[in-house]
C-alpha atoms as a PDB file:
ATOM      1  CA  UNK A   1     262.817  27.866 208.679  1.00  0.00           C
ATOM      2  CA  UNK A   2     261.953  24.268 209.535  1.00  0.00           C
ATOM      3  CA  UNK A   3     258.390  24.416 208.227  1.00  0.00           C
ATOM      4  CA  UNK A   4     259.564  25.786 204.875  1.00  0.00           C
ATOM      5  CA  UNK A   5     262.233  23.102 204.530  1.00  0.00           C
ATOM      6  CA  UNK A   6     259.651  20.414 205.267  1.00  0.00           C
ATOM      7  CA  UNK A   7     257.321  21.820 202.641  1.00  0.00           C
ATOM      8  CA  UNK A   8     260.104  21.770 200.096  1.00  0.00           C
ATOM      9  CA  UNK A   9     260.873  18.150 200.921  1.00  0.00           C
ATOM     10  CA  UNK A  10     257.323  16.918 200.356  1.00  0.00           C
ATOM     11  CA  UNK A  11     254.512  17.197 197.848  1.00  0.00           C
ATOM     12  CA  UNK A  12     254.627  17.687 194.098  1.00  0.00           C
ATOM     13  CA  UNK A  13     257.766  19.061 192.512  1.00  0.00           C
ATOM     14  CA  UNK A  14     258.753  20.332 189.115  1.00  0.00           C
ATOM     15  CA  UNK A  15     261.766  18.539 187.724  1.00  0.00           C
ATOM     16  CA  UNK A  16     262.897  21.255 185.311  1.00  0.00           C
ATOM     17  CA  UNK A  17     265.598  23.712 186.289  1.00  0.00           C
ATOM     18  CA  UNK A  18     264.322  27.196 186.854  1.00  0.00           C
ATOM     19  CA  UNK A  19     266.434  29.476 184.701  1.00  0.00           C
ATOM     20  CA  UNK A  20     265.647  33.176 184.836  1.00  0.00           C
ATOM     21  CA  UNK A  21     265.990  35.721 182.019  1.00  0.00           C
ATOM     22  CA  UNK A  22     269.328  37.432 181.661  1.00  0.00           C
ATOM     23  CA  UNK A  23     269.695  40.718 183.530  1.00  0.00           C
ATOM     24  CA  UNK A  24     272.342  43.034 182.138  1.00  0.00           C
ATOM     25  CA  UNK A  25     275.310  43.830 184.341  1.00  0.00           C
ATOM     26  CA  UNK A  26     277.407  46.984 184.515  1.00  0.00           C
ATOM     27  CA  UNK A  27     280.921  47.801 185.742  1.00  0.00           C
ATOM     28  CA  UNK A  28     281.069  49.912 188.888  1.00  0.00           C
ATOM     29  CA  UNK A  29     281.167  53.681 188.509  1.00  0.00           C
ATOM     30  CA  UNK A  30     281.105  56.098 191.477  1.00  0.00           C
ATOM     31  CA  UNK A  31     278.725  58.604 189.873  1.00  0.00           C
ATOM     32  CA  UNK A  32     275.364  58.729 191.679  1.00  0.00           C
ATOM     33  CA  UNK A  33     272.417  56.883 190.193  1.00  0.00           C
ATOM     34  CA  UNK A  34     268.817  58.055 190.272  1.00  0.00           C
ATOM     35  CA  UNK A  35     266.244  56.075 192.234  1.00  0.00           C
ATOM     36  CA  UNK A  36     262.746  57.002 193.301  1.00  0.00           C
ATOM     37  CA  UNK A  37     263.676  56.725 196.983  1.00  0.00           C
ATOM     38  CA  UNK A  38     266.884  58.730 196.560  1.00  0.00           C
ATOM     39  CA  UNK A  39     265.231  61.648 194.810  1.00  0.00           C
ATOM     40  CA  UNK A  40     262.265  61.555 197.191  1.00  0.00           C
ATOM     41  CA  UNK A  41     264.637  61.949 200.134  1.00  0.00           C
ATOM     42  CA  UNK A  42     266.517  64.719 198.307  1.00  0.00           C
ATOM     43  CA  UNK A  43     263.291  66.618 197.649  1.00  0.00           C
ATOM     44  CA  UNK A  44     262.065  66.333 201.247  1.00  0.00           C
ATOM     45  CA  UNK A  45     265.199  67.396 203.156  1.00  0.00           C
ATOM     46  CA  UNK A  46     268.664  68.041 201.751  1.00  0.00           C
ATOM     47  CA  UNK A  47     270.301  67.624 205.170  1.00  0.00           C
ATOM     48  CA  UNK A  48     268.754  64.176 205.632  1.00  0.00           C
ATOM     49  CA  UNK A  49     269.918  63.342 202.122  1.00  0.00           C
ATOM     50  CA  UNK A  50     273.468  64.331 203.104  1.00  0.00           C
ATOM     51  CA  UNK A  51     273.417  62.177 206.235  1.00  0.00           C
ATOM     52  CA  UNK A  52     272.025  59.222 204.317  1.00  0.00           C
ATOM     53  CA  UNK A  53     274.328  59.246 201.295  1.00  0.00           C
ATOM     54  CA  UNK A  54     277.364  61.370 202.209  1.00  0.00           C
ATOM     55  CA  UNK A  55     277.898  60.821 205.933  1.00  0.00           C
ATOM     56  CA  UNK A  56     281.599  60.032 205.489  1.00  0.00           C
ATOM     57  CA  UNK A  57     282.120  63.656 204.431  1.00  0.00           C
ATOM     58  CA  UNK A  58     280.647  65.120 207.614  1.00  0.00           C
ATOM     59  CA  UNK A  59     283.184  67.271 209.491  1.00  0.00           C
ATOM     60  CA  UNK A  60     281.226  67.440 212.758  1.00  0.00           C
ATOM     61  CA  UNK A  61     280.357  63.827 213.507  1.00  0.00           C
ATOM     62  CA  UNK A  62     282.007  60.523 212.799  1.00  0.00           C
ATOM     63  CA  UNK A  63     280.532  58.315 210.128  1.00  0.00           C
ATOM     64  CA  UNK A  64     280.112  55.564 212.725  1.00  0.00           C
ATOM     65  CA  UNK A  65     277.896  57.803 214.853  1.00  0.00           C
ATOM     66  CA  UNK A  66     275.768  58.953 211.929  1.00  0.00           C
ATOM     67  CA  UNK A  67     275.349  55.369 210.763  1.00  0.00           C
ATOM     68  CA  UNK A  68     273.708  54.539 214.089  1.00  0.00           C
ATOM     69  CA  UNK A  69     270.926  56.930 213.120  1.00  0.00           C
ATOM     70  CA  UNK A  70     270.884  55.800 209.499  1.00  0.00           C
ATOM     71  CA  UNK A  71     270.406  52.164 210.490  1.00  0.00           C
ATOM     72  CA  UNK A  72     267.426  52.817 212.739  1.00  0.00           C
ATOM     73  CA  UNK A  73     264.211  51.135 211.667  1.00  0.00           C
ATOM     74  CA  UNK A  74     260.582  51.667 212.661  1.00  0.00           C
ATOM     75  CA  UNK A  75     257.718  49.313 213.304  1.00  0.00           C
ATOM     76  CA  UNK A  76     255.965  50.096 209.972  1.00  0.00           C
ATOM     77  CA  UNK A  77     259.227  49.749 208.052  1.00  0.00           C
ATOM     78  CA  UNK A  78     260.028  46.466 209.730  1.00  0.00           C
ATOM     79  CA  UNK A  79     256.564  45.053 209.072  1.00  0.00           C
ATOM     80  CA  UNK A  80     257.120  45.795 205.388  1.00  0.00           C
ATOM     81  CA  UNK A  81     260.607  44.294 205.400  1.00  0.00           C
ATOM     82  CA  UNK A  82     259.484  41.099 207.138  1.00  0.00           C
ATOM     83  CA  UNK A  83     256.476  40.675 204.861  1.00  0.00           C
ATOM     84  CA  UNK A  84     258.709  41.052 201.793  1.00  0.00           C
ATOM     85  CA  UNK A  85     261.151  38.466 203.139  1.00  0.00           C
ATOM     86  CA  UNK A  86     258.386  35.956 203.830  1.00  0.00           C
ATOM     87  CA  UNK A  87     256.711  36.519 200.442  1.00  0.00           C
ATOM     88  CA  UNK A  88     260.061  35.894 198.767  1.00  0.00           C
ATOM     89  CA  UNK A  89     260.291  32.530 200.559  1.00  0.00           C
ATOM     90  CA  UNK A  90     256.652  31.807 199.730  1.00  0.00           C
ATOM     91  CA  UNK A  91     257.158  32.420 196.011  1.00  0.00           C
ATOM     92  CA  UNK A  92     260.289  30.274 195.932  1.00  0.00           C
ATOM     93  CA  UNK A  93     258.299  27.525 197.600  1.00  0.00           C
ATOM     94  CA  UNK A  94     255.436  27.988 195.108  1.00  0.00           C
ATOM     95  CA  UNK A  95     257.881  27.684 192.248  1.00  0.00           C
ATOM     96  CA  UNK A  96     258.709  24.210 193.564  1.00  0.00           C
ATOM     97  CA  UNK A  97     255.370  23.012 194.927  1.00  0.00           C
ATOM     98  CA  UNK A  98     251.731  24.060 194.588  1.00  0.00           C
ATOM     99  CA  UNK A  99     250.582  22.041 197.604  1.00  0.00           C
ATOM    100  CA  UNK A 100     248.239  23.952 199.953  1.00  0.00           C
ATOM    101  CA  UNK A 101     249.789  26.195 202.593  1.00  0.00           C
ATOM    102  CA  UNK A 102     249.460  25.292 206.256  1.00  0.00           C
ATOM    103  CA  UNK A 103     248.455  28.768 207.419  1.00  0.00           C
ATOM    104  CA  UNK A 104     249.301  28.080 211.056  1.00  0.00           C
ATOM    105  CA  UNK A 105     252.869  27.060 210.257  1.00  0.00           C
ATOM    106  CA  UNK A 106     253.081  29.859 207.722  1.00  0.00           C
ATOM    107  CA  UNK A 107     252.232  32.497 210.329  1.00  0.00           C
ATOM    108  CA  UNK A 108     254.567  30.855 212.860  1.00  0.00           C
ATOM    109  CA  UNK A 109     257.406  31.089 210.356  1.00  0.00           C
ATOM    110  CA  UNK A 110     256.655  34.771 209.715  1.00  0.00           C
ATOM    111  CA  UNK A 111     256.696  35.528 213.444  1.00  0.00           C
ATOM    112  CA  UNK A 112     260.034  33.756 213.804  1.00  0.00           C
ATOM    113  CA  UNK A 113     261.390  36.005 211.064  1.00  0.00           C
ATOM    114  CA  UNK A 114     260.006  38.945 213.062  1.00  0.00           C
ATOM    115  CA  UNK A 115     261.693  37.803 216.275  1.00  0.00           C
ATOM    116  CA  UNK A 116     265.024  37.474 214.472  1.00  0.00           C
ATOM    117  CA  UNK A 117     264.612  40.979 213.054  1.00  0.00           C
ATOM    118  CA  UNK A 118     263.816  42.436 216.478  1.00  0.00           C
ATOM    119  CA  UNK A 119     266.962  40.881 217.934  1.00  0.00           C
ATOM    120  CA  UNK A 120     269.149  42.352 215.205  1.00  0.00           C
ATOM    121  CA  UNK A 121     267.612  45.808 214.644  1.00  0.00           C
ATOM    122  CA  UNK A 122     267.414  49.061 216.557  1.00  0.00           C
ATOM    123  CA  UNK A 123     264.039  50.797 216.526  1.00  0.00           C
ATOM    124  CA  UNK A 124     263.402  54.544 216.520  1.00  0.00           C
ATOM    125  CA  UNK A 125     260.458  54.054 218.852  1.00  0.00           C
ATOM    126  CA  UNK A 126     262.813  52.704 221.528  1.00  0.00           C
ATOM    127  CA  UNK A 127     265.887  54.883 220.922  1.00  0.00           C
ATOM    128  CA  UNK A 128     263.741  58.041 221.061  1.00  0.00           C
ATOM    129  CA  UNK A 129     261.923  56.866 224.176  1.00  0.00           C
ATOM    130  CA  UNK A 130     258.456  56.384 222.681  1.00  0.00           C
ATOM    131  CA  UNK A 131     258.340  52.718 223.696  1.00  0.00           C
ATOM    132  CA  UNK A 132     260.251  50.669 226.253  1.00  0.00           C
ATOM    133  CA  UNK A 133     260.849  47.807 223.838  1.00  0.00           C
ATOM    134  CA  UNK A 134     259.543  46.150 220.666  1.00  0.00           C
ATOM    135  CA  UNK A 135     258.233  42.602 220.663  1.00  0.00           C
ATOM    136  CA  UNK A 136     256.724  40.411 217.984  1.00  0.00           C
ATOM    137  CA  UNK A 137     253.328  41.114 219.561  1.00  0.00           C
ATOM    138  CA  UNK A 138     253.510  44.699 218.255  1.00  0.00           C
ATOM    139  CA  UNK A 139     254.479  43.583 214.759  1.00  0.00           C
ATOM    140  CA  UNK A 140     252.349  40.456 214.489  1.00  0.00           C
ATOM    141  CA  UNK A 141     248.944  41.959 213.519  1.00  0.00           C
ATOM    142  CA  UNK A 142     250.290  43.857 210.506  1.00  0.00           C
ATOM    143  CA  UNK A 143     252.434  40.928 209.368  1.00  0.00           C
ATOM    144  CA  UNK A 144     249.674  38.367 209.733  1.00  0.00           C
ATOM    145  CA  UNK A 145     247.053  40.540 208.052  1.00  0.00           C
ATOM    146  CA  UNK A 146     249.295  41.241 205.067  1.00  0.00           C
ATOM    147  CA  UNK A 147     250.346  37.637 204.485  1.00  0.00           C
ATOM    148  CA  UNK A 148     246.944  36.051 204.975  1.00  0.00           C
ATOM    149  CA  UNK A 149     245.354  38.606 202.656  1.00  0.00           C
ATOM    150  CA  UNK A 150     247.861  37.579 200.006  1.00  0.00           C
ATOM    151  CA  UNK A 151     247.488  33.809 200.216  1.00  0.00           C
ATOM    152  CA  UNK A 152     243.694  34.135 200.326  1.00  0.00           C
ATOM    153  CA  UNK A 153     243.630  36.431 197.295  1.00  0.00           C
ATOM    154  CA  UNK A 154     242.609  35.589 193.750  1.00  0.00           C
ATOM    155  CA  UNK A 155     246.081  36.681 192.649  1.00  0.00           C
ATOM    156  CA  UNK A 156     247.791  33.990 194.710  1.00  0.00           C
ATOM    157  CA  UNK A 157     245.347  31.367 193.433  1.00  0.00           C
ATOM    158  CA  UNK A 158     246.074  32.482 189.864  1.00  0.00           C
ATOM    159  CA  UNK A 159     249.819  32.325 190.458  1.00  0.00           C
ATOM    160  CA  UNK A 160     249.490  28.779 191.797  1.00  0.00           C
ATOM    161  CA  UNK A 161     247.153  27.584 189.045  1.00  0.00           C
ATOM    162  CA  UNK A 162     248.261  29.472 185.935  1.00  0.00           C
ATOM    163  CA  UNK A 163     251.424  31.543 186.224  1.00  0.00           C
ATOM    164  CA  UNK A 164     253.403  28.713 187.825  1.00  0.00           C
ATOM    165  CA  UNK A 165     253.450  27.017 184.402  1.00  0.00           C
ATOM    166  CA  UNK A 166     256.114  29.587 183.469  1.00  0.00           C
ATOM    167  CA  UNK A 167     257.928  29.444 186.814  1.00  0.00           C
ATOM    168  CA  UNK A 168     261.323  28.918 185.188  1.00  0.00           C
ATOM    169  CA  UNK A 169     261.172  32.569 184.132  1.00  0.00           C
ATOM    170  CA  UNK A 170     260.219  34.014 187.529  1.00  0.00           C
ATOM    171  CA  UNK A 171     262.466  36.706 188.965  1.00  0.00           C
ATOM    172  CA  UNK A 172     262.001  36.949 192.733  1.00  0.00           C
ATOM    173  CA  UNK A 173     263.783  39.794 194.501  1.00  0.00           C
ATOM    174  CA  UNK A 174     266.745  39.767 192.080  1.00  0.00           C
ATOM    175  CA  UNK A 175     270.239  40.412 193.448  1.00  0.00           C
ATOM    176  CA  UNK A 176     271.702  43.891 193.327  1.00  0.00           C
ATOM    177  CA  UNK A 177     269.838  47.178 193.253  1.00  0.00           C
ATOM    178  CA  UNK A 178     268.095  46.990 189.890  1.00  0.00           C
ATOM    179  CA  UNK A 179     270.722  49.032 188.062  1.00  0.00           C
ATOM    180  CA  UNK A 180     269.836  50.095 184.543  1.00  0.00           C
ATOM    181  CA  UNK A 181     270.585  52.899 182.067  1.00  0.00           C
ATOM    182  CA  UNK A 182     268.545  55.777 180.697  1.00  0.00           C
ATOM    183  CA  UNK A 183     270.784  56.991 177.905  1.00  0.00           C
ATOM    184  CA  UNK A 184     274.020  57.870 179.702  1.00  0.00           C
ATOM    185  CA  UNK A 185     272.352  58.081 183.124  1.00  0.00           C
ATOM    186  CA  UNK A 186     272.600  55.457 185.837  1.00  0.00           C
ATOM    187  CA  UNK A 187     269.291  54.574 187.498  1.00  0.00           C
ATOM    188  CA  UNK A 188     267.986  51.952 189.915  1.00  0.00           C
ATOM    189  CA  UNK A 189     264.634  50.148 189.796  1.00  0.00           C
ATOM    190  CA  UNK A 190     264.475  47.200 192.194  1.00  0.00           C
ATOM    191  CA  UNK A 191     261.506  44.932 191.387  1.00  0.00           C
ATOM    192  CA  UNK A 192     259.934  42.623 193.964  1.00  0.00           C
ATOM    193  CA  UNK A 193     258.572  40.008 191.578  1.00  0.00           C
ATOM    194  CA  UNK A 194     258.604  39.703 187.792  1.00  0.00           C
ATOM    195  CA  UNK A 195     257.129  36.813 185.864  1.00  0.00           C
ATOM    196  CA  UNK A 196     256.425  36.086 182.203  1.00  0.00           C
ATOM    197  CA  UNK A 197     252.967  35.127 181.035  1.00  0.00           C
ATOM    198  CA  UNK A 198     251.190  34.877 177.698  1.00  0.00           C
ATOM    199  CA  UNK A 199     250.892  38.623 177.044  1.00  0.00           C
ATOM    200  CA  UNK A 200     254.348  39.664 178.276  1.00  0.00           C
ATOM    201  CA  UNK A 201     256.104  40.421 181.553  1.00  0.00           C
ATOM    202  CA  UNK A 202     254.135  41.047 184.741  1.00  0.00           C
ATOM    203  CA  UNK A 203     255.625  42.910 187.719  1.00  0.00           C
ATOM    204  CA  UNK A 204     254.177  43.026 191.233  1.00  0.00           C
ATOM    205  CA  UNK A 205     255.395  45.380 193.949  1.00  0.00           C
ATOM    206  CA  UNK A 206     254.105  44.475 197.427  1.00  0.00           C
ATOM    207  CA  UNK A 207     253.027  47.293 199.752  1.00  0.00           C
ATOM    208  CA  UNK A 208     252.079  47.089 203.426  1.00  0.00           C
ATOM    209  CA  UNK A 209     251.636  50.834 203.906  1.00  0.00           C
ATOM    210  CA  UNK A 210     249.249  53.492 202.678  1.00  0.00           C
ATOM    211  CA  UNK A 211     248.605  54.234 199.019  1.00  0.00           C
ATOM    212  CA  UNK A 212     250.539  57.080 197.445  1.00  0.00           C
ATOM    213  CA  UNK A 213     249.220  57.340 193.918  1.00  0.00           C
ATOM    214  CA  UNK A 214     251.831  59.748 192.553  1.00  0.00           C
ATOM    215  CA  UNK A 215     254.878  58.046 194.043  1.00  0.00           C
ATOM    216  CA  UNK A 216     253.665  54.545 193.281  1.00  0.00           C
ATOM    217  CA  UNK A 217     252.854  55.376 189.658  1.00  0.00           C
ATOM    218  CA  UNK A 218     256.383  56.724 189.322  1.00  0.00           C
ATOM    219  CA  UNK A 219     257.710  53.462 190.728  1.00  0.00           C
ATOM    220  CA  UNK A 220     255.686  51.429 188.247  1.00  0.00           C
ATOM    221  CA  UNK A 221     256.979  53.514 185.361  1.00  0.00           C
ATOM    222  CA  UNK A 222     260.485  52.796 186.607  1.00  0.00           C
ATOM    223  CA  UNK A 223     259.809  49.062 186.702  1.00  0.00           C
ATOM    224  CA  UNK A 224     258.474  49.177 183.142  1.00  0.00           C
ATOM    225  CA  UNK A 225     261.620  51.052 182.089  1.00  0.00           C
ATOM    226  CA  UNK A 226     263.798  48.433 183.793  1.00  0.00           C
ATOM    227  CA  UNK A 227     262.043  45.515 182.097  1.00  0.00           C
ATOM    228  CA  UNK A 228     262.096  47.154 178.656  1.00  0.00           C
ATOM    229  CA  UNK A 229     265.817  47.840 178.964  1.00  0.00           C
ATOM    230  CA  UNK A 230     266.921  44.459 180.271  1.00  0.00           C
ATOM    231  CA  UNK A 231     264.649  42.222 178.189  1.00  0.00           C
ATOM    232  CA  UNK A 232     264.474  44.475 175.110  1.00  0.00           C
ATOM    233  CA  UNK A 233     260.694  44.504 174.852  1.00  0.00           C
ATOM    234  CA  UNK A 234     258.128  47.201 174.122  1.00  0.00           C
ATOM    235  CA  UNK A 235     256.313  48.983 176.998  1.00  0.00           C
ATOM    236  CA  UNK A 236     253.029  47.399 175.923  1.00  0.00           C
ATOM    237  CA  UNK A 237     254.517  44.015 176.795  1.00  0.00           C
ATOM    238  CA  UNK A 238     255.127  44.977 180.430  1.00  0.00           C
ATOM    239  CA  UNK A 239     252.337  44.949 183.037  1.00  0.00           C
ATOM    240  CA  UNK A 240     253.463  46.548 186.329  1.00  0.00           C
ATOM    241  CA  UNK A 241     251.152  46.713 189.337  1.00  0.00           C
ATOM    242  CA  UNK A 242     251.160  47.647 193.004  1.00  0.00           C
ATOM    243  CA  UNK A 243     249.625  45.079 195.363  1.00  0.00           C
ATOM    244  CA  UNK A 244     248.424  46.653 198.612  1.00  0.00           C
ATOM    245  CA  UNK A 245     248.291  43.896 201.212  1.00  0.00           C
ATOM    246  CA  UNK A 246     246.320  45.676 203.907  1.00  0.00           C
ATOM    247  CA  UNK A 247     243.727  46.420 205.140  1.00  0.00           C
ATOM    248  CA  UNK A 248     242.505  44.272 202.232  1.00  0.00           C
ATOM    249  CA  UNK A 249     244.243  42.904 199.150  1.00  0.00           C
ATOM    250  CA  UNK A 250     244.001  45.472 196.358  1.00  0.00           C
ATOM    251  CA  UNK A 251     245.900  45.755 193.091  1.00  0.00           C
ATOM    252  CA  UNK A 252     246.512  48.923 191.097  1.00  0.00           C
ATOM    253  CA  UNK A 253     247.768  48.285 187.587  1.00  0.00           C
ATOM    254  CA  UNK A 254     249.264  50.769 185.133  1.00  0.00           C
ATOM    255  CA  UNK A 255     250.097  50.392 181.472  1.00  0.00           C
ATOM    256  CA  UNK A 256     252.550  52.614 179.618  1.00  0.00           C
ATOM    257  CA  UNK A 257     253.574  53.322 176.053  1.00  0.00           C
ATOM    258  CA  UNK A 258     256.785  54.623 174.532  1.00  0.00           C
ATOM    259  CA  UNK A 259     255.695  58.231 174.990  1.00  0.00           C
ATOM    260  CA  UNK A 260     255.134  57.685 178.722  1.00  0.00           C
ATOM    261  CA  UNK A 261     258.597  56.228 179.193  1.00  0.00           C
ATOM    262  CA  UNK A 262     260.199  58.980 177.124  1.00  0.00           C
ATOM    263  CA  UNK A 263     258.615  61.626 179.359  1.00  0.00           C
ATOM    264  CA  UNK A 264     259.699  59.631 182.399  1.00  0.00           C
ATOM    265  CA  UNK A 265     263.286  59.576 181.119  1.00  0.00           C
ATOM    266  CA  UNK A 266     263.197  63.374 180.733  1.00  0.00           C
ATOM    267  CA  UNK A 267     261.949  63.702 184.314  1.00  0.00           C
ATOM    268  CA  UNK A 268     264.660  61.387 185.646  1.00  0.00           C
ATOM    269  CA  UNK A 269     267.281  63.370 183.747  1.00  0.00           C
ATOM    270  CA  UNK A 270     266.075  66.649 185.285  1.00  0.00           C
ATOM    271  CA  UNK A 271     265.965  65.204 188.804  1.00  0.00           C
ATOM    272  CA  UNK A 272     269.421  63.687 188.392  1.00  0.00           C
ATOM    273  CA  UNK A 273     270.796  67.077 187.354  1.00  0.00           C
ATOM    274  CA  UNK A 274     269.316  68.561 190.547  1.00  0.00           C
ATOM    275  CA  UNK A 275     271.255  66.045 192.604  1.00  0.00           C
ATOM    276  CA  UNK A 276     274.393  66.595 190.518  1.00  0.00           C
ATOM    277  CA  UNK A 277     274.196  70.280 191.479  1.00  0.00           C
ATOM    278  CA  UNK A 278     274.997  69.253 195.059  1.00  0.00           C
ATOM    279  CA  UNK A 279     278.202  67.498 194.019  1.00  0.00           C
ATOM    280  CA  UNK A 280     281.595  69.142 194.012  1.00  0.00           C
ATOM    281  CA  UNK A 281     282.826  66.393 191.698  1.00  0.00           C
ATOM    282  CA  UNK A 282     279.991  64.737 189.768  1.00  0.00           C
ATOM    283  CA  UNK A 283     281.975  61.858 188.287  1.00  0.00           C
ATOM    284  CA  UNK A 284     283.485  60.907 191.657  1.00  0.00           C
ATOM    285  CA  UNK A 285     280.205  61.624 193.495  1.00  0.00           C
ATOM    286  CA  UNK A 286     281.864  63.953 196.022  1.00  0.00           C
ATOM    287  CA  UNK A 287     279.355  66.321 197.644  1.00  0.00           C
ATOM    288  CA  UNK A 288     279.474  69.995 198.445  1.00  0.00           C
ATOM    289  CA  UNK A 289     279.991  70.938 202.095  1.00  0.00           C
ATOM    290  CA  UNK A 290     277.228  69.915 204.499  1.00  0.00           C
ATOM    291  CA  UNK A 291     276.180  73.557 204.923  1.00  0.00           C
ATOM    292  CA  UNK A 292     275.021  73.528 201.291  1.00  0.00           C
ATOM    293  CA  UNK A 293     272.486  70.813 202.121  1.00  0.00           C
ATOM    294  CA  UNK A 294     269.667  72.860 203.605  1.00  0.00           C
ATOM    295  CA  UNK A 295     267.804  71.534 206.602  1.00  0.00           C
ATOM    296  CA  UNK A 296     264.046  71.456 206.137  1.00  0.00           C
ATOM    297  CA  UNK A 297     262.009  73.676 208.446  1.00  0.00           C
ATOM    298  CA  UNK A 298     258.868  71.636 208.958  1.00  0.00           C
ATOM    299  CA  UNK A 299     258.168  70.048 212.376  1.00  0.00           C
ATOM    300  CA  UNK A 300     255.711  67.588 210.830  1.00  0.00           C
ATOM    301  CA  UNK A 301     258.556  66.175 208.728  1.00  0.00           C
ATOM    302  CA  UNK A 302     261.301  66.424 211.344  1.00  0.00           C
ATOM    303  CA  UNK A 303     259.395  64.592 214.085  1.00  0.00           C
ATOM    304  CA  UNK A 304     259.409  61.416 211.969  1.00  0.00           C
ATOM    305  CA  UNK A 305     263.017  61.677 210.752  1.00  0.00           C
ATOM    306  CA  UNK A 306     265.534  59.152 212.048  1.00  0.00           C
ATOM    307  CA  UNK A 307     268.187  61.912 212.164  1.00  0.00           C
ATOM    308  CA  UNK A 308     266.139  64.279 214.344  1.00  0.00           C
ATOM    309  CA  UNK A 309     268.401  63.532 217.300  1.00  0.00           C
ATOM    310  CA  UNK A 310     271.316  65.062 215.380  1.00  0.00           C
ATOM    311  CA  UNK A 311     269.503  68.188 214.205  1.00  0.00           C
ATOM    312  CA  UNK A 312     267.534  68.821 217.426  1.00  0.00           C
ATOM    313  CA  UNK A 313     269.372  67.031 220.265  1.00  0.00           C
ATOM    314  CA  UNK A 314     267.587  68.971 223.031  1.00  0.00           C
ATOM    315  CA  UNK A 315     264.139  68.345 221.602  1.00  0.00           C
ATOM    316  CA  UNK A 316     264.766  64.730 220.643  1.00  0.00           C
ATOM    317  CA  UNK A 317     267.196  63.094 223.087  1.00  0.00           C
ATOM    318  CA  UNK A 318     268.340  59.593 222.168  1.00  0.00           C
ATOM    319  CA  UNK A 319     269.605  56.627 224.121  1.00  0.00           C
ATOM    320  CA  UNK A 320     271.024  53.865 221.951  1.00  0.00           C
ATOM    321  CA  UNK A 321     271.733  51.731 225.012  1.00  0.00           C
ATOM    322  CA  UNK A 322     267.997  51.103 225.378  1.00  0.00           C
ATOM    323  CA  UNK A 323     267.626  49.491 221.972  1.00  0.00           C
ATOM    324  CA  UNK A 324     266.643  45.819 221.893  1.00  0.00           C
ATOM    325  CA  UNK A 325     266.662  45.443 225.684  1.00  0.00           C
ATOM    326  CA  UNK A 326     264.966  42.276 226.949  1.00  0.00           C
ATOM    327  CA  UNK A 327     261.700  42.648 228.848  1.00  0.00           C
ATOM    328  CA  UNK A 328     261.907  43.499 232.504  1.00  0.00           C
ATOM    329  CA  UNK A 329     261.162  40.875 235.202  1.00  0.00           C
ATOM    330  CA  UNK A 330     258.915  43.376 236.990  1.00  0.00           C
END
């Protein structure tokens, strides 16, 4: 992180302290909370959902073994994770200094983040024998394209010229999981970046993958719900948008009213009840037996699942010892 530290030690700085708006906190409760990713997984494959959220209740495999599968990453997932980490650092730097970015050092920093991730992660592509190893050369094009598209975009220029005037109110990857409440229901909406401006609160969610209009609109409605709850504002004062970073920078913005969020709350309630139906004890979040979590029968879904080595060990053999091996001398 040397280049970032140097940037923060030079150039123009803002002397004011950067306070951020209060985010409400909640005492821990074991009952499950709705999230877009949780329900999406539940709706795709109940068995995968069990392995992901209830692996300690499995009677056939140890939790430690299942967690090896759960913790697997993929190249696309890791590109997204690295890009998010670097954008977080970039925005924190922008909040302190609006000096121009040295793109060469910026890309070098991103690739160092990638190398650190490769050393600490296990990739499906390697464990399942699709690739011998992962290097930063495989991840670099997607990372570089995403980040350069951002800093060359009109949005970044606007942030640096206009929005930075309200930088003390920026919320950049807030801690926790975005917990909130919909009536008596627990729900999670984790925002990437929220910032106040003249007409209200703006939210940007960075995406490095393909557009999914239905899922992404649902996410944006969740972000609007989160902001309205925590900052006690009307939906018309919240401006959520998805920013697709590749192949070119593209923003999709949605606006919602009270009726939209009321319908969304009804949908979340119904989906939460579906997940409750797979709990033996709802309040303690104890699941039914694994056999009650049906395994999907769709090869096009299974062949991309990180748990496929558990469900189909003969078809998808795994070798965790191959993960993160250094390149051969041959």
